[in-house]
Amino acid sequence: MLSRVITGTAAAALAVGASILPAQAKNITFLIAYGPGGGFDTVTRKLAPLIEKHLGGNVNVVPKNMPGGRGKKAANYLVNRKPNGRNLLIFNMPGHAMPNIIGEKADYDVRTIDWLARAAEFKYLIVTSARAGKFKTWNDVTSYKDKIKIPMTAPGTTGYLATAILMDAYGIKPKFITGYKSSSKYALGVIRGDGDLTILAKGSFRKYITSKKKNRQAFKDLTPLLEITNGPSQFGVETTGSLGKKELAVLGGDRMIGTTPGTPKAVKDKIANAVFKAVSDPEFAAWGKKVGRDVAPLNAAQTKAKALELFAYYSKFKSVLAASVKK
């Protein structure tokens, strides 16, 4: 009897898997928590056909933008769907963890998402206007007497969190100027003098480099001040590691793909296998190199462990993050 129950359960799970995967044409919605044209939009649209390829059969992976609430709208939608693997989302970590960390209302909890893979990661550096010349070094920033103005998108975004933690570590009380639609928009704000400095992903900053000869780089419009890393600087500036702040090297962003919690194991495993193959696909890696995206594949188990690790790390700064959102 027990054997028949186990066999029946396994068969049911496999049947569910088959129902969404190759047997007949089905759609999988690949949600995008932000508007068209941004980094998450472009990564999602690049991955969608690769996931289709590795799933096989007549499965259509359809990107769908669902911006709102600093990414919460799409995440809330995902967790309230039927757990059948037909909805995917690239989570912005740690940005998507912010509501869970500070006790803000959200339907989802990043600790319970059914994780499938990590697609990419990015690291940050602090930049200032190349024209203004107010700051030449990071020491100029830490010794500055007036409040430092920082253009930014919105509280709770990954860049905002990283900046708030970084500034707190150096005893700097910044004035965030929010409302910019993207990192390119707030970078432009620094260039034209809306603020003093800001944070950019290294890949986003590379477009401001005009040349590179014999390891010398010429910076156009923006110039770097501090790189968040424990390794050597790619841009010839001081690093958080060299200044004795090695614990800050975690600050950055991870693009992690998840589906609705409670998805049957047979379904989740099949989709996770296809998604991991997609993020590991040479075509995706070549595209990432071409456009300056830091492709960094992790499988489902590694992604779950990384999500929990990031949640624990950022939870240590709960009071700093909560205060930054209230400003």
Protein backbone atom coordinates (compact mmCIF):
# COMPACT_ATOMS: atom_id res chain seq x y z
CA MET A 1 0.00 0.00 0.00
CA LEU A 2 2.74 2.49 1.02
CA SER A 3 4.64 1.66 -2.16
CA ARG A 4 1.56 2.40 -4.26
CA VAL A 5 1.03 5.77 -2.47
CA ILE A 6 4.65 6.81 -3.07
CA THR A 7 4.51 5.71 -6.68
CA GLY A 8 1.26 7.57 -7.20
CA THR A 9 2.64 10.77 -5.66
CA ALA A 10 5.73 10.67 -7.86
CA ALA A 11 3.63 10.03 -10.94
CA ALA A 12 1.38 12.96 -10.09
CA ALA A 13 4.37 15.28 -9.71
CA LEU A 14 5.79 14.13 -13.02
CA ALA A 15 2.42 14.63 -14.64
CA VAL A 16 2.34 18.22 -13.39
CA GLY A 17 5.83 18.73 -14.79
CA ALA A 18 4.84 17.30 -18.14
CA SER A 19 1.76 19.50 -18.22
CA ILE A 20 3.80 22.71 -18.34
CA LEU A 21 6.88 21.48 -20.10
CA PRO A 22 7.31 20.10 -23.59
CA ALA A 23 4.23 17.98 -24.35
CA GLN A 24 2.17 20.83 -25.79
CA ALA A 25 2.55 24.56 -26.31
CA LYS A 26 2.46 26.42 -22.98
CA ASN A 27 3.50 29.87 -21.88
CA ILE A 28 5.85 30.68 -19.03
CA THR A 29 5.67 34.34 -18.03
CA PHE A 30 9.08 35.82 -17.27
CA LEU A 31 8.23 38.83 -15.12
CA ILE A 32 10.38 41.97 -15.13
CA ALA A 33 10.07 44.04 -11.95
CA TYR A 34 11.19 47.26 -13.67
CA GLY A 35 10.39 49.22 -16.81
CA PRO A 36 11.60 48.60 -20.38
CA GLY A 37 15.19 49.36 -21.35
CA GLY A 38 16.93 48.85 -18.01
CA GLY A 39 19.40 46.17 -16.98
CA PHE A 40 16.81 43.70 -15.69
CA ASP A 41 14.71 44.15 -18.83
CA THR A 42 17.62 43.46 -21.18
CA VAL A 43 18.91 40.46 -19.20
CA THR A 44 15.42 38.92 -19.03
CA ARG A 45 14.82 39.34 -22.76
CA LYS A 46 18.20 37.82 -23.56
CA LEU A 47 17.57 34.82 -21.33
CA ALA A 48 13.97 34.07 -22.37
CA PRO A 49 14.80 32.36 -25.71
CA LEU A 50 17.72 30.50 -24.13
CA ILE A 51 15.42 29.08 -21.45
CA GLU A 52 13.01 28.03 -24.21
CA LYS A 53 15.88 26.29 -25.99
CA HIS A 54 16.96 24.33 -22.93
CA LEU A 55 13.42 23.40 -21.89
CA GLY A 56 12.77 21.93 -25.30
CA GLY A 57 9.34 21.21 -26.72
CA ASN A 58 6.72 23.85 -27.41
CA VAL A 59 7.25 26.07 -24.37
CA ASN A 60 7.11 29.82 -24.87
CA VAL A 61 8.91 32.02 -22.34
CA VAL A 62 7.25 35.42 -22.54
CA PRO A 63 8.84 38.50 -20.90
CA LYS A 64 6.37 40.84 -19.17
CA ASN A 65 7.23 44.17 -17.55
CA MET A 66 5.50 44.76 -14.22
CA PRO A 67 7.18 47.79 -12.60
CA GLY A 68 6.08 49.31 -9.33
CA GLY A 69 6.81 49.49 -5.64
CA ARG A 70 10.60 49.23 -6.02
CA GLY A 71 10.13 45.76 -7.46
CA LYS A 72 7.54 44.61 -4.92
CA LYS A 73 4.64 44.57 -7.38
CA ALA A 74 6.13 41.81 -9.52
CA ALA A 75 7.37 39.81 -6.52
CA ASN A 76 3.96 40.01 -4.84
CA TYR A 77 2.32 38.87 -8.07
CA LEU A 78 4.71 35.91 -8.38
CA VAL A 79 4.08 34.50 -4.91
CA ASN A 80 0.32 34.78 -5.32
CA ARG A 81 0.25 32.65 -8.49
CA LYS A 82 -0.51 28.96 -8.56
CA PRO A 83 2.77 27.11 -7.82
CA ASN A 84 3.09 25.43 -11.20
CA GLY A 85 6.33 26.91 -12.52
CA ARG A 86 4.63 29.11 -15.10
CA ASN A 87 5.90 32.38 -13.64
CA LEU A 88 9.53 33.39 -13.23
CA LEU A 89 11.16 36.58 -11.97
CA ILE A 90 14.69 37.93 -11.75
CA PHE A 91 14.96 39.23 -8.20
CA ASN A 92 17.15 42.22 -7.45
CA MET A 93 19.10 41.12 -4.40
CA PRO A 94 19.44 42.62 -1.85
CA GLY A 95 16.93 45.24 -3.01
CA HIS A 96 14.05 42.76 -3.00
CA ALA A 97 15.01 41.67 0.53
CA MET A 98 14.66 45.19 1.91
CA PRO A 99 10.95 44.96 2.88
CA ASN A 100 11.56 41.66 4.69
CA ILE A 101 14.56 43.08 6.56
CA ILE A 102 13.02 46.31 7.82
CA GLY A 103 9.50 44.97 8.37
CA GLU A 104 7.85 46.70 5.44
CA LYS A 105 4.63 45.12 4.17
CA ALA A 106 5.15 42.60 1.37
CA ASP A 107 3.38 39.40 0.33
CA TYR A 108 6.66 37.63 -0.37
CA ASP A 109 9.69 36.61 1.68
CA VAL A 110 12.94 36.09 -0.22
CA ARG A 111 13.86 33.30 2.22
CA THR A 112 10.99 31.14 0.93
CA ILE A 113 11.23 31.75 -2.82
CA ASP A 114 11.84 28.63 -4.91
CA TRP A 115 15.21 29.64 -6.34
CA LEU A 116 16.27 28.38 -9.76
CA ALA A 117 19.61 30.02 -10.64
CA ARG A 118 21.67 33.19 -10.48
CA ALA A 119 22.23 34.93 -13.79
CA ALA A 120 24.62 37.74 -12.94
CA GLU A 121 26.19 39.86 -10.25
CA PHE A 122 27.62 43.35 -10.21
CA LYS A 123 29.96 45.33 -8.00
CA TYR A 124 30.05 49.03 -7.33
CA LEU A 125 32.27 52.07 -7.27
CA ILE A 126 31.70 55.65 -6.14
CA VAL A 127 31.98 58.27 -8.87
CA THR A 128 31.95 62.06 -9.08
CA SER A 129 31.83 64.70 -11.77
CA ALA A 130 35.04 64.89 -13.80
CA ARG A 131 34.35 68.57 -14.45
CA ALA A 132 33.46 69.87 -11.01
CA GLY A 133 36.71 68.76 -9.40
CA LYS A 134 35.31 69.07 -5.87
CA PHE A 135 36.68 65.67 -4.86
CA LYS A 136 39.98 64.26 -6.07
CA THR A 137 40.29 61.38 -3.58
CA TRP A 138 38.12 59.48 -1.15
CA ASN A 139 39.82 61.34 1.68
CA ASP A 140 38.37 64.56 0.23
CA VAL A 141 34.93 62.99 0.65
CA THR A 142 35.40 61.80 4.24
CA SER A 143 36.83 65.17 5.31
CA TYR A 144 34.15 67.24 3.56
CA LYS A 145 32.30 69.43 6.10
CA ASP A 146 29.01 70.01 4.30
CA LYS A 147 26.35 67.38 3.69
CA ILE A 148 27.13 65.34 0.60
CA LYS A 149 24.32 65.22 -1.97
CA ILE A 150 23.78 61.88 -3.72
CA PRO A 151 21.42 61.51 -6.70
CA MET A 152 19.68 58.11 -6.63
CA THR A 153 16.63 56.25 -7.93
CA ALA A 154 14.61 55.42 -4.81
CA PRO A 155 14.96 54.15 -1.24
CA GLY A 156 15.20 50.37 -1.08
CA THR A 157 17.00 49.86 -4.37
CA THR A 158 20.24 47.89 -4.28
CA GLY A 159 22.38 50.95 -5.05
CA TYR A 160 20.62 52.96 -2.37
CA LEU A 161 21.18 50.22 0.24
CA ALA A 162 24.84 49.85 -0.65
CA THR A 163 25.38 53.62 -0.50
CA ALA A 164 23.61 53.97 2.85
CA ILE A 165 25.74 51.21 4.41
CA LEU A 166 28.96 52.55 2.87
CA MET A 167 28.35 56.11 4.06
CA ASP A 168 27.46 54.92 7.55
CA ALA A 169 30.70 52.91 7.72
CA TYR A 170 32.66 56.13 7.06
CA GLY A 171 30.56 58.29 9.36
CA ILE A 172 29.14 60.32 6.48
CA LYS A 173 25.56 61.61 6.70
CA PRO A 174 24.44 62.06 3.09
CA LYS A 175 21.48 63.81 1.55
CA PHE A 176 19.86 61.48 -0.99
CA ILE A 177 18.20 63.14 -3.96
CA THR A 178 15.74 60.53 -5.24
CA GLY A 179 13.33 60.23 -8.14
CA TYR A 180 15.70 59.41 -11.00
CA LYS A 181 14.37 56.65 -13.26
CA SER A 182 17.64 54.76 -13.75
CA SER A 183 21.34 54.74 -12.94
CA SER A 184 22.13 56.48 -16.24
CA LYS A 185 19.73 59.28 -15.27
CA TYR A 186 21.24 59.88 -11.85
CA ALA A 187 24.75 59.63 -13.29
CA LEU A 188 23.74 62.45 -15.62
CA GLY A 189 22.51 64.30 -12.54
CA VAL A 190 26.02 64.16 -11.05
CA ILE A 191 27.56 65.29 -14.33
CA ARG A 192 25.35 68.38 -14.53
CA GLY A 193 25.77 69.18 -10.83
CA ASP A 194 22.52 67.99 -9.20
CA GLY A 195 24.64 66.24 -6.60
CA ASP A 196 28.20 65.60 -5.50
CA LEU A 197 28.70 61.90 -6.17
CA THR A 198 26.85 58.63 -6.61
CA ILE A 199 27.26 54.87 -6.90
CA LEU A 200 27.45 52.96 -10.19
CA ALA A 201 27.90 49.33 -11.15
CA LYS A 202 31.32 48.83 -12.72
CA GLY A 203 29.74 47.69 -15.98
CA SER A 204 27.62 50.85 -16.14
CA PHE A 205 30.65 53.04 -15.48
CA ARG A 206 32.73 51.56 -18.32
CA LYS A 207 30.88 53.60 -20.92
CA TYR A 208 32.39 56.72 -19.35
CA ILE A 209 35.90 55.50 -20.13
CA THR A 210 37.09 57.00 -23.40
CA SER A 211 40.33 55.10 -23.90
CA LYS A 212 42.69 52.57 -22.41
CA LYS A 213 46.34 52.53 -23.42
CA LYS A 214 49.17 50.93 -21.46
CA ASN A 215 46.87 50.49 -18.46
CA ARG A 216 46.05 54.21 -18.42
CA GLN A 217 42.38 55.12 -18.61
CA ALA A 218 40.87 58.43 -19.62
CA PHE A 219 37.61 59.22 -17.88
CA LYS A 220 34.90 61.23 -19.57
CA ASP A 221 32.31 63.20 -17.57
CA LEU A 222 32.61 60.95 -14.48
CA THR A 223 35.69 59.96 -12.53
CA PRO A 224 35.97 57.14 -9.94
CA LEU A 225 36.81 57.82 -6.29
CA LEU A 226 36.42 54.50 -4.48
CA GLU A 227 35.99 50.91 -5.65
CA ILE A 228 34.12 48.45 -3.42
CA THR A 229 36.38 45.42 -3.47
CA ASN A 230 39.02 43.59 -1.48
CA GLY A 231 41.05 43.02 -4.64
CA PRO A 232 43.00 45.48 -6.76
CA SER A 233 41.14 48.39 -8.29
CA GLN A 234 40.26 48.09 -11.97
CA PHE A 235 40.29 51.88 -12.25
CA GLY A 236 43.39 52.90 -10.32
CA VAL A 237 41.63 54.27 -7.22
CA GLU A 238 41.48 53.38 -3.55
CA THR A 239 39.37 50.41 -2.50
CA THR A 240 37.34 49.62 0.60
CA GLY A 241 39.72 46.71 1.19
CA SER A 242 42.87 48.83 1.01
CA LEU A 243 41.28 51.29 3.45
CA GLY A 244 40.61 48.56 6.00
CA LYS A 245 36.88 48.07 5.33
CA LYS A 246 37.03 44.52 4.03
CA GLU A 247 33.56 43.66 5.35
CA LEU A 248 32.07 46.06 2.77
CA ALA A 249 33.15 43.94 -0.20
CA VAL A 250 29.79 42.15 -0.07
CA LEU A 251 28.03 45.33 -1.20
CA GLY A 252 26.83 44.79 -4.72
CA GLY A 253 23.95 43.21 -6.56
CA ASP A 254 22.86 39.70 -7.54
CA ARG A 255 20.31 38.89 -10.23
CA MET A 256 18.60 35.73 -9.02
CA ILE A 257 15.82 33.87 -10.81
CA GLY A 258 13.01 32.37 -8.78
CA THR A 259 9.53 30.94 -9.11
CA THR A 260 6.46 30.64 -6.88
CA PRO A 261 7.06 28.99 -3.49
CA GLY A 262 5.62 25.49 -3.22
CA THR A 263 6.22 24.51 -6.84
CA PRO A 264 6.27 20.67 -7.06
CA LYS A 265 9.82 19.35 -6.95
CA ALA A 266 9.63 17.58 -10.30
CA VAL A 267 8.50 20.81 -11.99
CA LYS A 268 10.96 23.01 -10.15
CA ASP A 269 13.90 20.71 -10.88
CA LYS A 270 13.15 20.59 -14.59
CA ILE A 271 12.81 24.36 -14.89
CA ALA A 272 15.86 24.96 -12.67
CA ASN A 273 17.92 22.69 -14.91
CA ALA A 274 16.86 24.61 -18.03
CA VAL A 275 17.37 28.02 -16.40
CA PHE A 276 20.85 27.08 -15.16
CA LYS A 277 21.78 25.85 -18.64
CA ALA A 278 20.52 29.15 -20.04
CA VAL A 279 22.58 31.32 -17.67
CA SER A 280 25.60 29.06 -18.35
CA ASP A 281 25.08 29.11 -22.12
CA PRO A 282 28.13 30.38 -24.08
CA GLU A 283 25.81 32.68 -25.99
CA PHE A 284 24.75 34.40 -22.77
CA ALA A 285 28.35 34.66 -21.58
CA ALA A 286 29.45 36.17 -24.90
CA TRP A 287 26.61 38.68 -24.78
CA GLY A 288 27.49 39.63 -21.20
CA LYS A 289 31.10 40.25 -22.16
CA LYS A 290 30.07 42.33 -25.16
CA VAL A 291 27.70 44.62 -23.22
CA GLY A 292 29.66 44.72 -19.94
CA ARG A 293 27.28 42.57 -17.87
CA ASP A 294 28.97 40.47 -15.19
CA VAL A 295 27.48 37.03 -15.96
CA ALA A 296 27.95 34.77 -12.91
CA PRO A 297 25.92 31.52 -13.04
CA LEU A 298 24.95 29.63 -9.89
CA ASN A 299 22.69 26.58 -9.73
CA ALA A 300 19.51 26.37 -7.66
CA ALA A 301 21.14 25.14 -4.43
CA GLN A 302 23.96 27.69 -4.67
CA THR A 303 21.49 30.49 -5.39
CA LYS A 304 19.38 29.62 -2.35
CA ALA A 305 22.47 29.58 -0.13
CA LYS A 306 23.60 32.93 -1.56
CA ALA A 307 20.18 34.49 -0.99
CA LEU A 308 20.20 33.43 2.66
CA GLU A 309 23.78 34.65 3.06
CA LEU A 310 22.89 38.08 1.67
CA PHE A 311 19.78 38.29 3.84
CA ALA A 312 21.85 37.59 6.97
CA TYR A 313 24.51 40.13 5.99
CA TYR A 314 22.14 43.01 5.24
CA SER A 315 20.02 42.24 8.30
CA LYS A 316 22.98 43.41 10.40
CA PHE A 317 22.31 46.89 9.05
CA LYS A 318 18.57 46.90 9.72
CA SER A 319 18.61 50.18 11.66
CA VAL A 320 20.73 51.95 9.03
CA LEU A 321 18.49 50.74 6.21
CA ALA A 322 15.27 51.59 8.03
CA ALA A 323 16.56 55.09 8.79
CA SER A 324 17.62 55.64 5.18
CA VAL A 325 14.14 54.81 3.90
CA LYS A 326 12.48 57.26 6.31
CA LYS A 327 14.56 60.20 5.07
